[in-house]
Protein backbone atom coordinates (compact mmCIF):
# COMPACT_ATOMS: atom_id res chain seq x y z
CA MET A 1 0.00 0.00 0.00
CA ALA A 2 2.95 2.33 0.54
CA ASP A 3 3.79 2.10 -3.18
CA ALA A 4 0.20 2.85 -4.12
CA ALA A 5 0.33 5.94 -1.94
CA LEU A 6 3.41 7.17 -3.84
CA ALA A 7 1.53 6.87 -7.13
CA GLU A 8 -1.73 8.41 -5.96
CA GLY A 9 -2.01 12.04 -6.92
CA PHE A 10 1.51 12.15 -8.40
CA ASP A 11 2.06 15.30 -10.46
CA LEU A 12 5.26 16.49 -12.14
CA ARG A 13 4.14 20.08 -11.54
CA ARG A 14 4.01 19.53 -7.77
CA LEU A 15 6.88 17.21 -6.99
CA PRO A 16 6.73 15.12 -3.83
CA GLU A 17 9.48 15.42 -1.27
CA GLY A 18 12.54 13.38 -2.17
CA PHE A 19 11.74 13.10 -5.87
CA ILE A 20 14.72 15.10 -7.17
CA ALA A 21 17.14 13.10 -5.03
CA ASN A 22 15.69 9.75 -6.10
CA PRO A 23 12.73 9.59 -8.50
CA TYR A 24 12.92 5.84 -9.07
CA PRO A 25 10.72 4.66 -6.16
CA PHE A 26 8.00 6.99 -7.45
CA TYR A 27 8.42 5.66 -10.98
CA ALA A 28 8.25 2.08 -9.72
CA ALA A 29 5.03 2.85 -7.88
CA LEU A 30 3.53 4.40 -10.99
CA ARG A 31 4.52 1.42 -13.17
CA ALA A 32 2.89 -0.95 -10.68
CA HIS A 33 -0.25 0.98 -9.75
CA ALA A 34 -0.84 3.65 -12.41
CA PRO A 35 1.18 2.87 -15.56
CA VAL A 36 -1.08 5.26 -17.49
CA HIS A 37 -1.27 8.10 -14.99
CA ALA A 38 -3.63 10.98 -15.69
CA PHE A 39 -2.91 14.45 -14.42
CA GLY A 40 -5.73 16.80 -13.56
CA ASN A 41 -5.27 18.82 -16.75
CA GLY A 42 -5.94 15.91 -19.12
CA GLN A 43 -2.30 15.05 -19.72
CA ILE A 44 -1.06 11.51 -19.09
CA LEU A 45 2.28 10.04 -18.00
CA LEU A 46 3.54 6.68 -19.31
CA THR A 47 6.14 4.76 -17.31
CA ARG A 48 6.35 1.27 -18.87
CA TYR A 49 8.98 0.37 -21.45
CA ALA A 50 6.52 -1.30 -23.82
CA ASP A 51 4.22 1.73 -23.83
CA LEU A 52 7.08 4.11 -24.63
CA GLU A 53 8.26 1.84 -27.46
CA ARG A 54 4.76 1.84 -28.90
CA VAL A 55 4.59 5.64 -28.87
CA TYR A 56 8.08 6.08 -30.32
CA LYS A 57 7.35 3.70 -33.21
CA ASP A 58 4.00 5.25 -34.16
CA ALA A 59 4.93 8.79 -35.15
CA ALA A 60 1.71 9.15 -37.17
CA THR A 61 -0.49 8.72 -34.09
CA PHE A 62 1.85 10.32 -31.57
CA SER A 63 3.17 13.60 -32.92
CA SER A 64 6.25 15.56 -31.81
CA ASP A 65 4.81 18.86 -33.05
CA LYS A 66 4.62 21.34 -30.17
CA THR A 67 2.98 24.39 -31.72
CA VAL A 68 -0.19 24.05 -29.64
CA GLU A 69 1.48 23.04 -26.36
CA PHE A 70 4.23 25.65 -26.56
CA GLY A 71 1.84 28.30 -27.81
CA ALA A 72 0.11 28.02 -24.45
CA LYS A 73 3.30 27.59 -22.43
CA PHE A 74 5.44 30.41 -23.82
CA ASN A 75 2.92 33.22 -23.64
CA SER A 76 4.54 36.15 -21.87
CA ALA A 77 2.38 39.26 -22.06
CA GLU A 78 5.16 41.31 -23.65
CA PHE A 79 5.25 38.95 -26.63
CA ARG A 80 1.48 38.53 -26.90
CA ALA A 81 1.35 42.28 -27.36
CA SER A 82 4.09 42.33 -30.01
CA GLU A 83 3.54 42.29 -33.76
CA THR A 84 4.50 38.63 -34.16
CA GLY A 85 2.97 37.39 -30.92
CA ALA A 86 5.71 34.74 -30.81
CA CYS A 87 8.36 34.82 -28.12
CA PRO A 88 11.92 33.65 -28.89
CA LEU A 89 11.50 30.39 -26.93
CA TYR A 90 8.38 29.54 -28.92
CA ARG A 91 10.10 30.29 -32.22
CA HIS A 92 13.09 28.16 -31.28
CA HIS A 93 11.38 25.11 -29.84
CA THR A 94 8.77 24.88 -32.60
CA THR A 95 11.39 25.10 -35.35
CA SER A 96 14.11 22.78 -34.03
CA LEU A 97 14.45 19.19 -35.20
CA VAL A 98 13.26 17.40 -32.08
CA PHE A 99 9.85 19.08 -31.88
CA ASN A 100 8.78 18.56 -35.48
CA ASP A 101 7.23 15.83 -37.62
CA PRO A 102 7.96 14.80 -41.19
CA PRO A 103 8.46 16.24 -43.73
CA ARG A 104 10.34 19.08 -41.95
CA HIS A 105 11.88 16.65 -39.46
CA THR A 106 13.03 14.31 -42.24
CA ARG A 107 14.67 17.08 -44.26
CA VAL A 108 16.56 18.62 -41.33
CA ARG A 109 17.62 15.27 -39.90
CA ARG A 110 19.06 14.06 -43.19
CA ILE A 111 21.13 17.21 -43.59
CA ILE A 112 22.53 16.98 -40.03
CA ALA A 113 23.08 13.20 -40.21
CA GLY A 114 25.20 13.62 -43.33
CA ALA A 115 27.87 15.31 -41.21
CA LEU A 116 27.74 12.65 -38.50
CA THR A 117 28.53 9.52 -40.48
CA PRO A 118 30.43 6.70 -38.73
CA ARG A 119 33.58 7.80 -40.54
CA ALA A 120 33.16 11.42 -39.46
CA VAL A 121 32.50 10.43 -35.84
CA ALA A 122 35.54 8.13 -35.78
CA ALA A 123 37.66 11.03 -37.03
CA MET A 124 36.69 13.01 -33.91
CA GLU A 125 38.34 10.54 -31.52
CA ALA A 126 41.87 11.92 -31.57
CA GLY A 127 40.65 15.45 -30.91
CA ILE A 128 38.44 14.35 -28.01
CA VAL A 129 41.31 12.38 -26.48
CA ALA A 130 43.55 15.45 -26.67
CA LEU A 131 40.84 17.64 -25.12
CA VAL A 132 40.20 15.21 -22.26
CA ASP A 133 43.90 14.84 -21.54
CA THR A 134 44.31 18.63 -21.43
CA LEU A 135 41.49 18.89 -18.89
CA LEU A 136 43.02 16.08 -16.81
CA ASP A 137 46.45 17.74 -16.89
CA ALA A 138 44.90 20.93 -15.51
CA ALA A 139 43.07 18.96 -12.82
CA GLU A 140 46.25 17.17 -11.76
CA ALA A 141 48.04 20.50 -11.41
CA ARG A 142 45.29 21.72 -9.08
CA GLY A 143 44.99 18.45 -7.16
CA ARG A 144 41.19 18.69 -7.08
CA ILE A 145 38.37 19.11 -9.55
CA ASP A 146 34.72 19.91 -9.89
CA LEU A 147 33.67 16.97 -12.02
CA ILE A 148 30.98 19.03 -13.73
CA GLU A 149 32.38 22.54 -14.22
CA ASP A 150 36.00 21.50 -14.82
CA PHE A 151 35.38 18.33 -16.81
CA ALA A 152 31.96 16.96 -17.81
CA ALA A 153 30.52 20.29 -19.01
CA ALA A 154 33.71 21.40 -20.74
CA ILE A 155 33.88 18.45 -23.13
CA PRO A 156 30.64 18.74 -25.15
CA VAL A 157 30.92 22.52 -25.45
CA GLU A 158 34.32 22.10 -27.11
CA VAL A 159 33.20 19.18 -29.30
CA ILE A 160 30.10 21.00 -30.56
CA GLY A 161 32.03 24.24 -30.89
CA ASN A 162 34.40 22.37 -33.20
CA LEU A 163 31.52 20.84 -35.18
CA LEU A 164 29.93 24.24 -35.77
CA GLY A 165 33.26 25.99 -36.22
CA VAL A 166 32.72 28.44 -33.37
CA PRO A 167 36.03 30.23 -32.69
CA ARG A 168 37.45 29.00 -29.39
CA ASP A 169 37.61 32.44 -27.83
CA GLU A 170 33.88 32.96 -28.55
CA ARG A 171 32.59 29.82 -26.80
CA GLY A 172 32.27 31.34 -23.33
CA PRO A 173 28.49 32.05 -23.42
CA LEU A 174 27.46 28.75 -25.06
CA ARG A 175 26.89 26.72 -21.92
CA ASP A 176 24.84 29.39 -20.13
CA TRP A 177 22.71 29.94 -23.24
CA SER A 178 22.06 26.21 -23.47
CA LEU A 179 21.13 25.83 -19.80
CA ALA A 180 18.73 28.78 -19.99
CA ILE A 181 16.98 27.54 -23.14
CA LEU A 182 16.61 23.96 -21.91
CA GLY A 183 15.50 25.13 -18.47
CA ALA A 184 12.35 26.47 -20.07
CA LEU A 185 11.31 22.91 -20.98
CA GLU A 186 10.73 21.91 -17.36
CA PRO A 187 7.13 20.99 -16.41
CA VAL A 188 6.83 24.17 -14.33
CA LEU A 189 7.92 27.43 -15.98
CA SER A 190 8.49 30.47 -13.79
CA PRO A 191 8.50 33.99 -15.27
CA GLU A 192 12.18 34.30 -14.36
CA VAL A 193 13.13 31.09 -16.19
CA GLU A 194 11.07 32.06 -19.22
CA ALA A 195 12.69 35.50 -19.36
CA ALA A 196 16.18 33.99 -19.10
CA GLY A 197 15.36 31.53 -21.88
CA ASN A 198 14.07 34.27 -24.16
CA ARG A 199 17.20 36.36 -23.56
CA ALA A 200 19.39 33.35 -24.34
CA VAL A 201 17.61 32.55 -27.63
CA THR A 202 17.81 36.21 -28.69
CA ALA A 203 21.53 36.46 -27.88
CA PHE A 204 22.32 33.13 -29.49
CA LEU A 205 20.48 34.07 -32.72
CA ALA A 206 22.32 37.38 -32.89
CA TYR A 207 25.67 35.61 -32.53
CA LEU A 208 24.83 32.90 -35.05
CA GLY A 209 23.73 35.42 -37.65
CA GLY A 210 27.26 36.75 -37.88
CA LEU A 211 28.78 33.28 -37.79
CA VAL A 212 26.57 32.08 -40.65
CA GLU A 213 27.42 35.08 -42.81
CA GLU A 214 31.12 34.46 -42.26
CA ARG A 215 30.71 30.77 -43.18
CA ARG A 216 28.79 31.66 -46.34
CA ARG A 217 31.80 33.75 -47.40
CA ASN A 218 34.33 31.12 -46.31
CA PRO A 219 32.72 27.65 -46.37
CA GLY A 220 34.28 24.76 -44.47
CA ASP A 221 34.35 21.07 -45.39
CA PRO A 222 30.67 19.99 -45.39
CA ASP A 223 31.72 16.44 -44.45
CA LYS A 224 33.16 17.75 -41.16
CA ASP A 225 31.68 21.17 -40.55
CA ILE A 226 28.01 20.90 -39.62
CA LEU A 227 27.33 24.61 -40.10
CA THR A 228 28.60 24.49 -43.68
CA ARG A 229 26.51 21.38 -44.28
CA LEU A 230 23.41 23.04 -42.85
CA ILE A 231 23.98 26.03 -45.15
CA GLN A 232 24.69 24.02 -48.30
CA GLY A 233 22.71 20.82 -47.70
CA GLU A 234 19.67 19.96 -49.78
CA VAL A 235 16.99 17.29 -49.59
CA GLY A 236 14.81 17.01 -52.66
CA GLY A 237 16.33 20.22 -53.98
CA GLU A 238 15.23 22.15 -50.89
CA ARG A 239 17.54 23.88 -48.42
CA LEU A 240 16.85 25.03 -44.87
CA SER A 241 15.17 28.39 -44.51
CA PRO A 242 17.18 31.08 -42.66
CA GLU A 243 15.04 30.50 -39.55
CA GLU A 244 15.45 26.71 -39.69
CA LEU A 245 19.20 27.10 -40.14
CA LEU A 246 19.72 29.31 -37.09
CA GLN A 247 17.30 27.50 -34.78
CA ASN A 248 18.79 24.09 -35.57
CA CYS A 249 22.29 25.36 -34.82
CA ILE A 250 20.96 26.20 -31.36
CA PHE A 251 19.33 22.76 -31.19
CA ILE A 252 22.62 21.00 -31.99
CA LEU A 253 24.36 22.71 -29.09
CA ASN A 254 21.49 22.10 -26.69
CA ALA A 255 20.95 18.47 -27.66
CA GLY A 256 24.61 17.60 -27.34
CA HIS A 257 25.53 19.69 -24.33
CA GLU A 258 23.28 19.02 -21.35
CA THR A 259 22.73 15.32 -22.00
CA THR A 260 26.41 14.53 -22.56
CA THR A 261 27.43 16.59 -19.53
CA ASN A 262 25.00 14.51 -17.47
CA LEU A 263 26.21 11.23 -18.97
CA ILE A 264 29.81 11.94 -17.91
CA GLY A 265 28.93 13.50 -14.55
CA ASN A 266 26.43 10.79 -13.64
CA GLY A 267 28.94 8.13 -14.61
CA LEU A 268 31.70 9.53 -12.43
CA HIS A 269 29.26 9.88 -9.53
CA LEU A 270 27.96 6.31 -9.94
CA LEU A 271 31.50 4.93 -9.85
CA THR A 272 32.02 6.57 -6.45
CA GLU A 273 28.86 4.86 -5.18
CA HIS A 274 29.67 1.47 -6.70
CA PRO A 275 33.30 0.59 -5.90
CA ASP A 276 32.85 -2.94 -7.25
CA ALA A 277 31.90 -1.53 -10.65
CA ARG A 278 34.89 0.82 -10.55
CA ALA A 279 37.24 -2.05 -9.69
CA ARG A 280 35.83 -4.15 -12.51
CA LEU A 281 36.32 -1.37 -15.07
CA LEU A 282 39.89 -0.89 -13.91
CA ALA A 283 40.51 -4.61 -14.32
CA GLU A 284 38.55 -4.89 -17.58
CA PRO A 285 38.77 -1.53 -19.39
CA ASP A 286 37.20 -3.01 -22.52
CA LEU A 287 33.90 -3.04 -20.62
CA MET A 288 33.66 0.73 -20.84
CA ARG A 289 31.41 0.65 -23.91
CA LYS A 290 28.87 -1.44 -22.02
CA ALA A 291 29.36 0.70 -18.92
CA VAL A 292 28.40 3.82 -20.88
CA GLU A 293 25.17 2.14 -21.97
CA GLU A 294 24.43 1.16 -18.37
CA ILE A 295 25.00 4.70 -17.14
CA LEU A 296 22.58 5.92 -19.80
CA ARG A 297 20.00 3.38 -18.64
CA PHE A 298 20.50 3.61 -14.90
CA GLU A 299 20.61 7.42 -14.66
CA SER A 300 19.12 8.58 -17.94
CA SER A 301 20.42 12.04 -18.83
CA ASN A 302 17.05 12.91 -20.35
CA GLN A 303 14.28 11.63 -18.06
CA LEU A 304 11.19 12.85 -19.91
CA GLY A 305 9.83 13.15 -23.43
CA ASN A 306 6.56 14.44 -24.84
CA ARG A 307 4.10 13.63 -27.61
CA VAL A 308 0.58 14.68 -28.57
CA ALA A 309 -2.05 12.32 -30.01
CA THR A 310 -3.22 13.13 -33.53
CA THR A 311 -6.20 10.75 -33.29
CA ASP A 312 -8.25 8.99 -30.62
CA PHE A 313 -6.31 6.06 -29.13
CA ALA A 314 -6.55 3.40 -26.44
CA ILE A 315 -3.96 2.22 -23.95
CA GLU A 316 -4.28 -0.03 -20.88
CA GLY A 317 -7.95 -0.53 -21.81
CA ARG A 318 -8.68 3.19 -21.58
CA ASP A 319 -9.75 5.52 -24.39
CA PHE A 320 -8.16 8.93 -24.91
CA PRO A 321 -9.08 11.66 -27.41
CA ALA A 322 -7.03 13.29 -30.11
CA GLY A 323 -5.06 16.17 -28.67
CA THR A 324 -4.10 14.31 -25.49
CA GLN A 325 -0.66 15.43 -24.35
CA ILE A 326 1.56 12.52 -23.33
CA THR A 327 4.64 12.65 -21.11
CA LEU A 328 7.05 9.77 -21.69
CA GLY A 329 8.80 8.58 -18.53
CA ILE A 330 12.16 7.64 -20.03
CA GLY A 331 13.85 7.26 -16.65
CA ALA A 332 10.97 5.07 -15.49
CA ALA A 333 10.96 2.88 -18.60
CA ASN A 334 14.71 2.31 -18.28
CA ARG A 335 14.11 0.75 -14.84
CA ASP A 336 11.19 -1.45 -15.99
CA PRO A 337 11.72 -5.02 -14.70
CA ALA A 338 9.67 -6.34 -17.63
CA GLN A 339 12.54 -5.27 -19.89
CA PHE A 340 15.62 -5.26 -17.64
CA PRO A 341 16.38 -8.04 -15.12
CA ASP A 342 17.27 -6.56 -11.73
CA PRO A 343 16.78 -3.02 -13.07
CA ASP A 344 17.89 -1.29 -9.87
CA ILE A 345 21.30 -2.98 -9.95
CA PHE A 346 24.07 -1.00 -11.66
CA ASP A 347 25.73 -3.63 -13.87
CA VAL A 348 28.55 -2.32 -16.08
CA ALA A 349 28.54 -5.57 -18.06
CA ARG A 350 24.77 -5.62 -18.72
CA ASP A 351 23.98 -7.22 -22.05
CA PRO A 352 21.60 -6.86 -23.80
CA ASN A 353 20.78 -3.29 -22.82
CA ARG A 354 18.16 -1.81 -25.16
CA HIS A 355 17.58 1.33 -23.13
CA LEU A 356 15.59 4.33 -24.34
CA ALA A 357 17.97 7.08 -23.25
CA PHE A 358 18.32 8.11 -26.91
CA ALA A 359 14.60 7.53 -27.64
CA SER A 360 13.62 5.24 -30.50
CA GLY A 361 11.97 5.40 -33.90
CA ILE A 362 12.35 8.35 -36.25
CA HIS A 363 13.32 10.68 -33.39
CA GLN A 364 16.18 8.55 -32.08
CA CYS A 365 18.99 10.95 -31.18
CA VAL A 366 20.89 11.92 -34.34
CA GLY A 367 24.06 12.62 -32.33
CA MET A 368 24.07 9.51 -30.14
CA ALA A 369 27.29 8.15 -31.65
CA VAL A 370 29.08 11.38 -30.72
CA ALA A 371 27.69 11.27 -27.17
CA ARG A 372 28.79 7.65 -26.75
CA LEU A 373 32.27 8.48 -28.01
CA GLU A 374 32.61 11.45 -25.66
CA GLY A 375 31.36 9.40 -22.71
CA ARG A 376 33.65 6.45 -23.38
CA ILE A 377 36.78 8.55 -23.82
CA ALA A 378 36.07 10.87 -20.88
CA LEU A 379 35.26 8.11 -18.40
CA SER A 380 37.96 5.66 -19.46
CA ARG A 381 40.78 8.20 -19.46
CA PHE A 382 39.64 9.80 -16.21
CA LEU A 383 39.46 6.42 -14.47
CA ALA A 384 42.83 5.25 -15.83
CA ARG A 385 44.49 8.52 -14.76
CA PHE A 386 42.84 8.89 -11.35
CA PRO A 387 41.65 5.43 -10.22
CA ASP A 388 41.37 6.54 -6.58
CA TYR A 389 39.39 9.75 -7.05
CA HIS A 390 36.73 10.42 -4.44
CA LEU A 391 34.09 13.03 -3.74
CA ASP A 392 35.19 15.93 -1.57
CA GLY A 393 32.16 17.89 -0.50
CA VAL A 394 28.42 17.70 -0.92
CA PRO A 395 27.25 17.04 -4.48
CA GLU A 396 24.70 19.54 -5.74
CA ARG A 397 22.10 17.91 -7.92
CA SER A 398 20.49 19.96 -10.63
CA GLN A 399 16.94 20.78 -9.58
CA ARG A 400 15.54 19.72 -12.94
CA VAL A 401 13.01 17.02 -13.68
CA ARG A 402 13.57 16.55 -17.41
CA PHE A 403 17.37 16.49 -17.33
CA ARG A 404 18.99 14.47 -14.53
CA GLY A 405 22.47 15.40 -13.45
CA PHE A 406 24.56 17.54 -11.14
CA SER A 407 25.39 21.22 -11.11
CA ARG A 408 28.38 20.69 -8.78
CA LEU A 409 30.40 17.57 -7.99
CA PRO A 410 33.62 18.42 -6.09
CA ALA A 411 36.27 15.71 -5.95
CA ARG A 412 39.83 14.92 -4.92
CA LEU A 413 41.97 13.03 -7.36
CA GLY A 414 43.40 10.53 -4.90
């Protein structure tokens, strides 16, 4: 009955005590007692693996288009009164790849994916190794490190900065812009968070406008430089509009930054909590590829997704109308015992491990190979260099529901 009590009345907009620290008991209760959980506003939350797979694979019934949802969410009075009536956050999130359906989604995805071929991703390895080693050299000189600020967050910003060809001395604002824009996707949006997100989109667009003009004058190699590929790429003879081009540059940074930061930070934290897993990776370093997948499953960087029903549908014997907004419990599905034996055990050798951290179907993460490469290199080289590292201070967990990670993780290097 205690589990049933956890599920009863659960609402992502009014989080119960202890949820941020450990959401998994709540997710387990929902899977067991309310796998299709209705909120008071007509939205539903799905927590079972099979239900998420069904939604991911049926993009015709379950749309990623957010024009209606975000039109209601991003509705600051100052922008309602403007000529366009569309705030920067609305313009960004309704234009970027992840919140669109075919044919726009198909066209943008194909252009981006062409710069992230297996060959192109493999060519990034040497540069990522050099970057990680530089960060570790600096940490060794200091004798201590914040595993987020000094390491996990620094890696994807540099990798994506290289992909887009952002000059190194101009990358300073990228992380703060990304955090502000993604923060506006949380279930509860305060006026302060919305204002910060709008400022970040506006500043980012202004910066990218100059960068795009420079790249048009001096194109890079479209097989390596994503910005050049976005400018020049065509699908069916059609190129990206100026708005699509700029907004999807922002999307590439956002999609690759927060989630990869959390993958690396969560992994380093988990290895302090599971010394047996750390010892096994030190003894069997070839397990790191599987370990990265287990980190993604066990502490999914992205905990929530969203869809909207285009037609009436039924699930768990219940009927729902077209227009129903659906929250996908990715973190819950990745701990579903119907899919993963002993799901609450952190097993760095788990195989098979068909987690949903990168989603599934047509919206499966286009940059997942890059994220896996960054995670494997960062974790393996950190562990080999500092096998006895330990936390030194109280970790500060990010107070976000959608993205699970830490904002501060102080450590000694052993």
